[in-house]
Protein backbone atom coordinates (compact mmCIF):
# COMPACT_ATOMS: atom_id res chain seq x y z
CA MET A 1 -40.76 -7.97 -1.75
CA LYS A 2 -38.15 -5.34 -3.16
CA TYR A 3 -39.52 -2.54 -4.64
CA LYS A 4 -38.70 -1.96 -8.17
CA ALA A 5 -36.56 1.35 -7.54
CA GLN A 6 -34.65 -0.60 -4.98
CA ALA A 7 -33.96 -3.33 -7.22
CA LYS A 8 -32.89 -0.95 -10.15
CA TYR A 9 -30.41 0.78 -7.52
CA ASP A 10 -29.21 -2.61 -6.18
CA GLN A 11 -28.44 -3.88 -9.97
CA ALA A 12 -26.41 -0.47 -10.73
CA ASN A 13 -24.46 0.15 -7.53
CA THR A 14 -24.01 -3.23 -5.67
CA LYS A 15 -22.47 -6.56 -6.16
CA LYS A 16 -22.90 -9.48 -3.96
CA VAL A 17 -19.96 -11.73 -2.74
CA LEU A 18 -20.36 -15.26 -1.43
CA PHE A 19 -17.80 -17.15 0.79
CA LYS A 20 -17.97 -20.74 1.32
CA PHE A 21 -16.22 -22.08 4.56
CA ASN A 22 -14.97 -25.65 5.45
CA LEU A 23 -16.74 -26.70 8.63
CA ASN A 24 -13.61 -28.64 9.62
CA THR A 25 -10.53 -26.49 8.21
CA ASP A 26 -12.14 -23.08 8.89
CA LYS A 27 -13.80 -23.55 11.88
CA ASP A 28 -11.91 -20.68 13.62
CA ILE A 29 -12.96 -18.32 10.98
CA LEU A 30 -16.63 -19.51 11.61
CA GLU A 31 -16.46 -19.36 15.21
CA ARG A 32 -15.13 -15.59 14.95
CA LEU A 33 -17.78 -14.60 12.48
CA GLU A 34 -20.65 -16.09 15.08
CA LYS A 35 -19.24 -13.59 17.50
CA VAL A 36 -19.46 -10.61 15.34
CA GLY A 37 -22.85 -8.73 15.02
CA ASN A 38 -22.17 -6.94 11.81
CA LYS A 39 -20.36 -9.51 9.57
CA GLN A 40 -20.48 -7.18 6.53
CA GLY A 41 -18.83 -4.29 8.28
CA TYR A 42 -16.35 -6.51 10.03
CA VAL A 43 -15.30 -7.95 6.77
CA LYS A 44 -15.04 -4.44 5.09
CA ARG A 45 -13.20 -3.02 8.02
CA LEU A 46 -10.49 -5.87 7.77
CA ILE A 47 -9.95 -5.40 4.38
CA ARG A 48 -9.50 -1.64 4.54
CA GLU A 49 -7.05 -2.22 7.40
CA ASP A 50 -5.29 -4.34 4.90
CA ILE A 51 -5.26 -1.77 2.00
CA GLU A 52 -3.93 0.81 4.29
CA ARG A 53 -1.19 -1.36 5.75
CA GLU A 54 0.04 -2.15 2.24
CA MET A 55 -0.20 1.27 1.16
CA GLU A 56 1.89 2.18 4.16
CA GLU A 57 4.41 -0.64 3.38
CA ASP A 58 4.59 0.66 -0.08
CA ALA A 59 5.23 4.04 0.78
CA THR A 60 8.03 2.90 3.30
CA ARG A 61 9.49 0.61 0.36
CA ASN A 62 9.40 3.64 -2.12
CA ALA A 63 11.10 6.04 0.16
CA THR A 64 14.12 3.32 1.10
CA GLU A 65 14.55 2.64 -2.41
CA GLU A 66 14.72 6.47 -3.20
CA GLY A 67 17.22 6.86 -0.50
CA GLU A 68 19.47 4.04 -2.01
CA GLU A 69 19.95 5.93 -5.34
């Protein structure tokens, strides 16, 4: 049973996200997730790496565009 304070904190500061995978077409993803101990940490790391890569690409694109002017 959750403590009242924890439930209040969770409601104010967290959000749950549910993923639904197809057993046939997403089999590779499910197999990878089975091998990962900390699924939440794994997904967070992949997303943050993607954000960082996107920011670097944007910076490169902006620098290139500025050089063309």
